[in-house]
Amino acid sequence: MKKKIFTTISTLMILIPWTILPLRSFPWALKSPVAEIMISGYAAFMIFSGIFTILAYTKAHIQHTWMKICVVINGIYMAGGIAAFLMMLPGRI
């Protein structure tokens, strides 16, 4: 049961970052404070999803094929989230 729950959560975490695309079509989402908050929130979620999936794969020993795919995709998302945070740093310093 634990394997199914962790796999389902990891799969949903693959889909959620794509919800930023319809949100960014609104004019209010492109303005400065809202855009920065949205990007920061999505980046933090992508980092969390990468960490969660990697821990589920290694510590919980959920190592079937679909989970391997989730690890790769969420790992790429995690790298993108870290890159987004790093790109926002020069404006803050």
PDB file of N, CA and C in Angstrom:
ATOM      1  N   MET A   1       0.824  -1.196   0.000  1.00  0.00           N
ATOM      2  CA  MET A   1       0.000   0.000   0.000  1.00  0.00           C
ATOM      3  C   MET A   1       0.864   1.255   0.000  1.00  0.00           C
ATOM      4  N   LYS A   2       1.953   1.228   0.790  1.00  0.00           N
ATOM      5  CA  LYS A   2       2.844   2.383   0.856  1.00  0.00           C
ATOM      6  C   LYS A   2       3.467   2.657  -0.505  1.00  0.00           C
ATOM      7  N   LYS A   3       3.800   1.598  -1.235  1.00  0.00           N
ATOM      8  CA  LYS A   3       4.403   1.776  -2.553  1.00  0.00           C
ATOM      9  C   LYS A   3       3.445   2.467  -3.515  1.00  0.00           C
ATOM     10  N   LYS A   4       2.179   2.093  -3.472  1.00  0.00           N
ATOM     11  CA  LYS A   4       1.193   2.710  -4.357  1.00  0.00           C
ATOM     12  C   LYS A   4       0.976   4.175  -4.015  1.00  0.00           C
ATOM     13  N   ILE A   5       0.940   4.492  -2.729  1.00  0.00           N
ATOM     14  CA  ILE A   5       0.719   5.879  -2.303  1.00  0.00           C
ATOM     15  C   ILE A   5       1.895   6.753  -2.715  1.00  0.00           C
ATOM     16  N   PHE A   6       3.123   6.307  -2.449  1.00  0.00           N
ATOM     17  CA  PHE A   6       4.302   7.092  -2.814  1.00  0.00           C
ATOM     18  C   PHE A   6       4.423   7.235  -4.330  1.00  0.00           C
ATOM     19  N   THR A   7       4.094   6.184  -5.066  1.00  0.00           N
ATOM     20  CA  THR A   7       4.147   6.258  -6.523  1.00  0.00           C
ATOM     21  C   THR A   7       3.103   7.235  -7.056  1.00  0.00           C
ATOM     22  N   THR A   8       1.909   7.219  -6.486  1.00  0.00           N
ATOM     23  CA  THR A   8       0.858   8.149  -6.906  1.00  0.00           C
ATOM     24  C   THR A   8       1.246   9.586  -6.603  1.00  0.00           C
ATOM     25  N   ILE A   9       1.796   9.835  -5.432  1.00  0.00           N
ATOM     26  CA  ILE A   9       2.222  11.187  -5.074  1.00  0.00           C
ATOM     27  C   ILE A   9       3.335  11.651  -6.010  1.00  0.00           C
ATOM     28  N   SER A  10       4.301  10.791  -6.288  1.00  0.00           N
ATOM     29  CA  SER A  10       5.396  11.157  -7.181  1.00  0.00           C
ATOM     30  C   SER A  10       4.896  11.424  -8.599  1.00  0.00           C
ATOM     31  N   THR A  11       3.899  10.672  -9.035  1.00  0.00           N
ATOM     32  CA  THR A  11       3.330  10.896 -10.360  1.00  0.00           C
ATOM     33  C   THR A  11       2.594  12.220 -10.419  1.00  0.00           C
ATOM     34  N   LEU A  12       1.822  12.534  -9.399  1.00  0.00           N
ATOM     35  CA  LEU A  12       1.119  13.816  -9.369  1.00  0.00           C
ATOM     36  C   LEU A  12       2.097  14.986  -9.311  1.00  0.00           C
ATOM     37  N   MET A  13       3.222  14.779  -8.643  1.00  0.00           N
ATOM     38  CA  MET A  13       4.228  15.832  -8.561  1.00  0.00           C
ATOM     39  C   MET A  13       4.877  16.116  -9.916  1.00  0.00           C
ATOM     40  N   ILE A  14       4.761  15.187 -10.838  1.00  0.00           N
ATOM     41  CA  ILE A  14       5.252  15.431 -12.196  1.00  0.00           C
ATOM     42  C   ILE A  14       4.316  16.396 -12.921  1.00  0.00           C
ATOM     43  N   LEU A  15       3.034  16.292 -12.673  1.00  0.00           N
ATOM     44  CA  LEU A  15       2.044  17.071 -13.415  1.00  0.00           C
ATOM     45  C   LEU A  15       1.832  18.480 -12.877  1.00  0.00           C
ATOM     46  N   ILE A  16       1.991  18.687 -11.593  1.00  0.00           N
ATOM     47  CA  ILE A  16       1.652  19.969 -10.974  1.00  0.00           C
ATOM     48  C   ILE A  16       2.470  21.148 -11.504  1.00  0.00           C
ATOM     49  N   PRO A  17       3.784  21.042 -11.752  1.00  0.00           N
ATOM     50  CA  PRO A  17       4.511  22.203 -12.275  1.00  0.00           C
ATOM     51  C   PRO A  17       3.990  22.729 -13.612  1.00  0.00           C
ATOM     52  N   TRP A  18       3.313  21.899 -14.361  1.00  0.00           N
ATOM     53  CA  TRP A  18       2.780  22.353 -15.644  1.00  0.00           C
ATOM     54  C   TRP A  18       1.566  23.268 -15.488  1.00  0.00           C
ATOM     55  N   THR A  19       1.014  23.356 -14.283  1.00  0.00           N
ATOM     56  CA  THR A  19      -0.131  24.249 -14.076  1.00  0.00           C
ATOM     57  C   THR A  19       0.271  25.713 -14.104  1.00  0.00           C
ATOM     58  N   ILE A  20       1.564  26.006 -14.110  1.00  0.00           N
ATOM     59  CA  ILE A  20       1.994  27.395 -14.195  1.00  0.00           C
ATOM     60  C   ILE A  20       1.690  27.984 -15.578  1.00  0.00           C
ATOM     61  N   LEU A  21       1.642  27.147 -16.599  1.00  0.00           N
ATOM     62  CA  LEU A  21       1.412  27.659 -17.949  1.00  0.00           C
ATOM     63  C   LEU A  21       0.056  28.348 -18.107  1.00  0.00           C
ATOM     64  N   PRO A  22      -1.063  27.746 -17.695  1.00  0.00           N
ATOM     65  CA  PRO A  22      -2.319  28.487 -17.818  1.00  0.00           C
ATOM     66  C   PRO A  22      -2.387  29.685 -16.872  1.00  0.00           C
ATOM     67  N   LEU A  23      -1.740  29.593 -15.717  1.00  0.00           N
ATOM     68  CA  LEU A  23      -1.754  30.738 -14.800  1.00  0.00           C
ATOM     69  C   LEU A  23      -1.010  31.939 -15.375  1.00  0.00           C
ATOM     70  N   ARG A  24       0.076  31.680 -16.097  1.00  0.00           N
ATOM     71  CA  ARG A  24       0.876  32.778 -16.652  1.00  0.00           C
ATOM     72  C   ARG A  24       0.186  33.451 -17.841  1.00  0.00           C
ATOM     73  N   SER A  25      -0.934  32.949 -18.293  1.00  0.00           N
ATOM     74  CA  SER A  25      -1.649  33.589 -19.394  1.00  0.00           C
ATOM     75  C   SER A  25      -2.479  34.786 -18.927  1.00  0.00           C
ATOM     76  N   PHE A  26      -2.657  34.937 -17.626  1.00  0.00           N
ATOM     77  CA  PHE A  26      -3.403  36.075 -17.097  1.00  0.00           C
ATOM     78  C   PHE A  26      -2.477  37.283 -16.934  1.00  0.00           C
ATOM     79  N   PRO A  27      -2.964  38.482 -17.229  1.00  0.00           N
ATOM     80  CA  PRO A  27      -2.111  39.671 -17.117  1.00  0.00           C
ATOM     81  C   PRO A  27      -1.618  39.937 -15.687  1.00  0.00           C
ATOM     82  N   TRP A  28      -2.420  39.637 -14.676  1.00  0.00           N
ATOM     83  CA  TRP A  28      -2.011  39.879 -13.297  1.00  0.00           C
ATOM     84  C   TRP A  28      -0.853  38.989 -12.886  1.00  0.00           C
ATOM     85  N   ALA A  29      -0.694  37.845 -13.544  1.00  0.00           N
ATOM     86  CA  ALA A  29       0.368  36.916 -13.185  1.00  0.00           C
ATOM     87  C   ALA A  29       1.723  37.346 -13.731  1.00  0.00           C
ATOM     88  N   LEU A  30       1.741  38.330 -14.619  1.00  0.00           N
ATOM     89  CA  LEU A  30       2.990  38.793 -15.207  1.00  0.00           C
ATOM     90  C   LEU A  30       3.553  40.013 -14.496  1.00  0.00           C
ATOM     91  N   LYS A  31       2.822  40.561 -13.567  1.00  0.00           N
ATOM     92  CA  LYS A  31       3.287  41.745 -12.833  1.00  0.00           C
ATOM     93  C   LYS A  31       4.294  41.327 -11.773  1.00  0.00           C
ATOM     94  N   SER A  32       5.154  42.249 -11.378  1.00  0.00           N
ATOM     95  CA  SER A  32       6.350  41.959 -10.595  1.00  0.00           C
ATOM     96  C   SER A  32       6.150  41.175  -9.297  1.00  0.00           C
ATOM     97  N   PRO A  33       5.388  41.619  -8.325  1.00  0.00           N
ATOM     98  CA  PRO A  33       5.399  40.822  -7.096  1.00  0.00           C
ATOM     99  C   PRO A  33       4.734  39.452  -7.261  1.00  0.00           C
ATOM    100  N   VAL A  34       3.682  39.394  -8.053  1.00  0.00           N
ATOM    101  CA  VAL A  34       2.968  38.127  -8.212  1.00  0.00           C
ATOM    102  C   VAL A  34       3.824  37.124  -8.991  1.00  0.00           C
ATOM    103  N   ALA A  35       4.491  37.582 -10.028  1.00  0.00           N
ATOM    104  CA  ALA A  35       5.319  36.689 -10.839  1.00  0.00           C
ATOM    105  C   ALA A  35       6.461  36.106 -10.017  1.00  0.00           C
ATOM    106  N   GLU A  36       7.096  36.928  -9.209  1.00  0.00           N
ATOM    107  CA  GLU A  36       8.207  36.446  -8.383  1.00  0.00           C
ATOM    108  C   GLU A  36       7.732  35.436  -7.347  1.00  0.00           C
ATOM    109  N   ILE A  37       6.596  35.691  -6.748  1.00  0.00           N
ATOM    110  CA  ILE A  37       6.056  34.770  -5.745  1.00  0.00           C
ATOM    111  C   ILE A  37       5.656  33.455  -6.397  1.00  0.00           C
ATOM    112  N   MET A  38       5.011  33.525  -7.566  1.00  0.00           N
ATOM    113  CA  MET A  38       4.603  32.299  -8.255  1.00  0.00           C
ATOM    114  C   MET A  38       5.808  31.457  -8.652  1.00  0.00           C
ATOM    115  N   ILE A  39       6.810  32.080  -9.221  1.00  0.00           N
ATOM    116  CA  ILE A  39       7.987  31.335  -9.653  1.00  0.00           C
ATOM    117  C   ILE A  39       8.712  30.747  -8.450  1.00  0.00           C
ATOM    118  N   SER A  40       8.801  31.501  -7.369  1.00  0.00           N
ATOM    119  CA  SER A  40       9.448  30.981  -6.160  1.00  0.00           C
ATOM    120  C   SER A  40       8.675  29.795  -5.590  1.00  0.00           C
ATOM    121  N   GLY A  41       7.373  29.895  -5.573  1.00  0.00           N
ATOM    122  CA  GLY A  41       6.549  28.802  -5.059  1.00  0.00           C
ATOM    123  C   GLY A  41       6.669  27.547  -5.903  1.00  0.00           C
ATOM    124  N   TYR A  42       6.606  27.713  -7.209  1.00  0.00           N
ATOM    125  CA  TYR A  42       6.755  26.552  -8.080  1.00  0.00           C
ATOM    126  C   TYR A  42       8.155  25.962  -7.988  1.00  0.00           C
ATOM    127  N   ALA A  43       9.181  26.800  -7.894  1.00  0.00           N
ATOM    128  CA  ALA A  43      10.554  26.299  -7.769  1.00  0.00           C
ATOM    129  C   ALA A  43      10.722  25.516  -6.466  1.00  0.00           C
ATOM    130  N   ALA A  44      10.166  26.036  -5.371  1.00  0.00           N
ATOM    131  CA  ALA A  44      10.257  25.331  -4.087  1.00  0.00           C
ATOM    132  C   ALA A  44       9.525  23.993  -4.164  1.00  0.00           C
ATOM    133  N   PHE A  45       8.366  23.979  -4.810  1.00  0.00           N
ATOM    134  CA  PHE A  45       7.636  22.721  -4.961  1.00  0.00           C
ATOM    135  C   PHE A  45       8.418  21.721  -5.798  1.00  0.00           C
ATOM    136  N   MET A  46       9.065  22.182  -6.860  1.00  0.00           N
ATOM    137  CA  MET A  46       9.829  21.285  -7.715  1.00  0.00           C
ATOM    138  C   MET A  46      11.031  20.708  -6.972  1.00  0.00           C
ATOM    139  N   ILE A  47      11.673  21.510  -6.136  1.00  0.00           N
ATOM    140  CA  ILE A  47      12.784  21.008  -5.325  1.00  0.00           C
ATOM    141  C   ILE A  47      12.270  19.974  -4.325  1.00  0.00           C
ATOM    142  N   PHE A  48      11.154  20.284  -3.667  1.00  0.00           N
ATOM    143  CA  PHE A  48      10.565  19.337  -2.717  1.00  0.00           C
ATOM    144  C   PHE A  48      10.167  18.032  -3.397  1.00  0.00           C
ATOM    145  N   SER A  49       9.566  18.121  -4.588  1.00  0.00           N
ATOM    146  CA  SER A  49       9.141  16.902  -5.269  1.00  0.00           C
ATOM    147  C   SER A  49      10.334  16.047  -5.678  1.00  0.00           C
ATOM    148  N   GLY A  50      11.429  16.673  -6.066  1.00  0.00           N
ATOM    149  CA  GLY A  50      12.622  15.908  -6.390  1.00  0.00           C
ATOM    150  C   GLY A  50      13.184  15.201  -5.177  1.00  0.00           C
ATOM    151  N   ILE A  51      13.254  15.905  -4.062  1.00  0.00           N
ATOM    152  CA  ILE A  51      13.764  15.301  -2.824  1.00  0.00           C
ATOM    153  C   ILE A  51      12.846  14.177  -2.357  1.00  0.00           C
ATOM    154  N   PHE A  52      11.536  14.413  -2.392  1.00  0.00           N
ATOM    155  CA  PHE A  52      10.576  13.401  -1.964  1.00  0.00           C
ATOM    156  C   PHE A  52      10.699  12.131  -2.799  1.00  0.00           C
ATOM    157  N   THR A  53      10.767  12.291  -4.107  1.00  0.00           N
ATOM    158  CA  THR A  53      10.822  11.128  -4.985  1.00  0.00           C
ATOM    159  C   THR A  53      12.135  10.363  -4.816  1.00  0.00           C
ATOM    160  N   ILE A  54      13.237  11.083  -4.679  1.00  0.00           N
ATOM    161  CA  ILE A  54      14.526  10.416  -4.481  1.00  0.00           C
ATOM    162  C   ILE A  54      14.533   9.660  -3.157  1.00  0.00           C
ATOM    163  N   LEU A  55      13.988  10.273  -2.098  1.00  0.00           N
ATOM    164  CA  LEU A  55      13.929   9.579  -0.809  1.00  0.00           C
ATOM    165  C   LEU A  55      12.998   8.369  -0.854  1.00  0.00           C
ATOM    166  N   ALA A  56      11.882   8.498  -1.556  1.00  0.00           N
ATOM    167  CA  ALA A  56      10.975   7.350  -1.685  1.00  0.00           C
ATOM    168  C   ALA A  56      11.649   6.225  -2.457  1.00  0.00           C
ATOM    169  N   TYR A  57      12.433   6.571  -3.443  1.00  0.00           N
ATOM    170  CA  TYR A  57      13.116   5.555  -4.237  1.00  0.00           C
ATOM    171  C   TYR A  57      14.227   4.867  -3.441  1.00  0.00           C
ATOM    172  N   THR A  58      15.000   5.659  -2.684  1.00  0.00           N
ATOM    173  CA  THR A  58      16.154   5.076  -1.993  1.00  0.00           C
ATOM    174  C   THR A  58      15.805   4.542  -0.606  1.00  0.00           C
ATOM    175  N   LYS A  59      15.188   5.359   0.223  1.00  0.00           N
ATOM    176  CA  LYS A  59      14.941   4.962   1.617  1.00  0.00           C
ATOM    177  C   LYS A  59      13.765   4.009   1.767  1.00  0.00           C
ATOM    178  N   ALA A  60      12.705   4.219   0.987  1.00  0.00           N
ATOM    179  CA  ALA A  60      11.536   3.341   1.085  1.00  0.00           C
ATOM    180  C   ALA A  60      11.650   2.130   0.155  1.00  0.00           C
ATOM    181  N   HIS A  61      12.708   2.083  -0.634  1.00  0.00           N
ATOM    182  CA  HIS A  61      12.986   0.953  -1.532  1.00  0.00           C
ATOM    183  C   HIS A  61      11.849   0.694  -2.516  1.00  0.00           C
ATOM    184  N   ILE A  62      11.318   1.766  -3.075  1.00  0.00           N
ATOM    185  CA  ILE A  62      10.292   1.643  -4.112  1.00  0.00           C
ATOM    186  C   ILE A  62      11.028   1.790  -5.441  1.00  0.00           C
ATOM    187  N   GLN A  63      11.443   0.675  -6.003  1.00  0.00           N
ATOM    188  CA  GLN A  63      12.358   0.725  -7.135  1.00  0.00           C
ATOM    189  C   GLN A  63      11.825  -0.017  -8.356  1.00  0.00           C
ATOM    190  N   HIS A  64      10.583   0.259  -8.708  1.00  0.00           N
ATOM    191  CA  HIS A  64      10.049  -0.321  -9.931  1.00  0.00           C
ATOM    192  C   HIS A  64      10.250   0.656 -11.085  1.00  0.00           C
ATOM    193  N   THR A  65       9.901   0.249 -12.282  1.00  0.00           N
ATOM    194  CA  THR A  65      10.211   1.030 -13.485  1.00  0.00           C
ATOM    195  C   THR A  65       9.561   2.407 -13.482  1.00  0.00           C
ATOM    196  N   TRP A  66       8.284   2.490 -13.104  1.00  0.00           N
ATOM    197  CA  TRP A  66       7.608   3.785 -13.131  1.00  0.00           C
ATOM    198  C   TRP A  66       8.245   4.743 -12.128  1.00  0.00           C
ATOM    199  N   MET A  67       8.664   4.241 -10.985  1.00  0.00           N
ATOM    200  CA  MET A  67       9.297   5.099  -9.991  1.00  0.00           C
ATOM    201  C   MET A  67      10.648   5.594 -10.496  1.00  0.00           C
ATOM    202  N   LYS A  68      11.354   4.782 -11.277  1.00  0.00           N
ATOM    203  CA  LYS A  68      12.606   5.228 -11.881  1.00  0.00           C
ATOM    204  C   LYS A  68      12.362   6.395 -12.827  1.00  0.00           C
ATOM    205  N   ILE A  69      11.274   6.319 -13.583  1.00  0.00           N
ATOM    206  CA  ILE A  69      10.914   7.420 -14.481  1.00  0.00           C
ATOM    207  C   ILE A  69      10.569   8.664 -13.672  1.00  0.00           C
ATOM    208  N   CYS A  70       9.837   8.491 -12.577  1.00  0.00           N
ATOM    209  CA  CYS A  70       9.489   9.622 -11.705  1.00  0.00           C
ATOM    210  C   CYS A  70      10.740  10.262 -11.105  1.00  0.00           C
ATOM    211  N   VAL A  71      11.713   9.447 -10.732  1.00  0.00           N
ATOM    212  CA  VAL A  71      12.959   9.976 -10.162  1.00  0.00           C
ATOM    213  C   VAL A  71      13.685  10.831 -11.186  1.00  0.00           C
ATOM    214  N   VAL A  72      13.746  10.361 -12.420  1.00  0.00           N
ATOM    215  CA  VAL A  72      14.451  11.122 -13.457  1.00  0.00           C
ATOM    216  C   VAL A  72      13.740  12.440 -13.735  1.00  0.00           C
ATOM    217  N   ILE A  73      12.437  12.396 -13.935  1.00  0.00           N
ATOM    218  CA  ILE A  73      11.690  13.614 -14.271  1.00  0.00           C
ATOM    219  C   ILE A  73      11.708  14.595 -13.105  1.00  0.00           C
ATOM    220  N   ASN A  74      11.424  14.122 -11.892  1.00  0.00           N
ATOM    221  CA  ASN A  74      11.427  15.027 -10.742  1.00  0.00           C
ATOM    222  C   ASN A  74      12.839  15.504 -10.418  1.00  0.00           C
ATOM    223  N   GLY A  75      13.856  14.719 -10.745  1.00  0.00           N
ATOM    224  CA  GLY A  75      15.230  15.178 -10.581  1.00  0.00           C
ATOM    225  C   GLY A  75      15.553  16.330 -11.523  1.00  0.00           C
ATOM    226  N   ILE A  76      15.058  16.238 -12.755  1.00  0.00           N
ATOM    227  CA  ILE A  76      15.234  17.344 -13.707  1.00  0.00           C
ATOM    228  C   ILE A  76      14.473  18.573 -13.223  1.00  0.00           C
ATOM    229  N   TYR A  77      13.255  18.367 -12.720  1.00  0.00           N
ATOM    230  CA  TYR A  77      12.496  19.478 -12.159  1.00  0.00           C
ATOM    231  C   TYR A  77      13.241  20.115 -10.981  1.00  0.00           C
ATOM    232  N   MET A  78      13.853  19.285 -10.138  1.00  0.00           N
ATOM    233  CA  MET A  78      14.584  19.794  -8.989  1.00  0.00           C
ATOM    234  C   MET A  78      15.759  20.656  -9.449  1.00  0.00           C
ATOM    235  N   ALA A  79      16.463  20.216 -10.467  1.00  0.00           N
ATOM    236  CA  ALA A  79      17.566  21.006 -11.006  1.00  0.00           C
ATOM    237  C   ALA A  79      17.055  22.329 -11.572  1.00  0.00           C
ATOM    238  N   GLY A  80      15.900  22.296 -12.231  1.00  0.00           N
ATOM    239  CA  GLY A  80      15.302  23.535 -12.743  1.00  0.00           C
ATOM    240  C   GLY A  80      14.864  24.468 -11.629  1.00  0.00           C
ATOM    241  N   GLY A  81      14.337  23.917 -10.542  1.00  0.00           N
ATOM    242  CA  GLY A  81      13.940  24.742  -9.401  1.00  0.00           C
ATOM    243  C   GLY A  81      15.139  25.401  -8.738  1.00  0.00           C
ATOM    244  N   ILE A  82      16.226  24.661  -8.604  1.00  0.00           N
ATOM    245  CA  ILE A  82      17.449  25.234  -8.034  1.00  0.00           C
ATOM    246  C   ILE A  82      17.981  26.327  -8.947  1.00  0.00           C
ATOM    247  N   ALA A  83      17.942  26.080 -10.254  1.00  0.00           N
ATOM    248  CA  ALA A  83      18.401  27.086 -11.215  1.00  0.00           C
ATOM    249  C   ALA A  83      17.534  28.349 -11.135  1.00  0.00           C
ATOM    250  N   ALA A  84      16.236  28.182 -10.971  1.00  0.00           N
ATOM    251  CA  ALA A  84      15.346  29.350 -10.862  1.00  0.00           C
ATOM    252  C   ALA A  84      15.686  30.178  -9.623  1.00  0.00           C
ATOM    253  N   PHE A  85      15.934  29.500  -8.494  1.00  0.00           N
ATOM    254  CA  PHE A  85      16.324  30.237  -7.291  1.00  0.00           C
ATOM    255  C   PHE A  85      17.661  30.945  -7.483  1.00  0.00           C
ATOM    256  N   LEU A  86      18.593  30.286  -8.130  1.00  0.00           N
ATOM    257  CA  LEU A  86      19.900  30.903  -8.345  1.00  0.00           C
ATOM    258  C   LEU A  86      19.820  32.101  -9.294  1.00  0.00           C
ATOM    259  N   MET A  87      18.921  32.048 -10.261  1.00  0.00           N
ATOM    260  CA  MET A  87      18.745  33.182 -11.176  1.00  0.00           C
ATOM    261  C   MET A  87      18.086  34.364 -10.475  1.00  0.00           C
ATOM    262  N   MET A  88      17.319  34.113  -9.431  1.00  0.00           N
ATOM    263  CA  MET A  88      16.678  35.207  -8.703  1.00  0.00           C
ATOM    264  C   MET A  88      17.617  35.876  -7.695  1.00  0.00           C
ATOM    265  N   LEU A  89      18.711  35.230  -7.349  1.00  0.00           N
ATOM    266  CA  LEU A  89      19.631  35.775  -6.347  1.00  0.00           C
ATOM    267  C   LEU A  89      20.278  37.100  -6.730  1.00  0.00           C
ATOM    268  N   PRO A  90      20.793  37.290  -7.957  1.00  0.00           N
ATOM    269  CA  PRO A  90      21.450  38.566  -8.254  1.00  0.00           C
ATOM    270  C   PRO A  90      20.555  39.786  -8.063  1.00  0.00           C
ATOM    271  N   GLY A  91      19.272  39.642  -8.264  1.00  0.00           N
ATOM    272  CA  GLY A  91      18.345  40.755  -8.051  1.00  0.00           C
ATOM    273  C   GLY A  91      18.140  41.065  -6.576  1.00  0.00           C
ATOM    274  N   ARG A  92      18.403  40.106  -5.718  1.00  0.00           N
ATOM    275  CA  ARG A  92      18.203  40.281  -4.286  1.00  0.00           C
ATOM    276  C   ARG A  92      19.445  40.830  -3.582  1.00  0.00           C
ATOM    277  N   ILE A  93      20.599  40.619  -4.182  1.00  0.00           N
ATOM    278  CA  ILE A  93      21.854  41.027  -3.513  1.00  0.00           C
ATOM    279  C   ILE A  93      22.194  42.459  -3.868  1.00  0.00           C
TER     280      ILE A  93
END
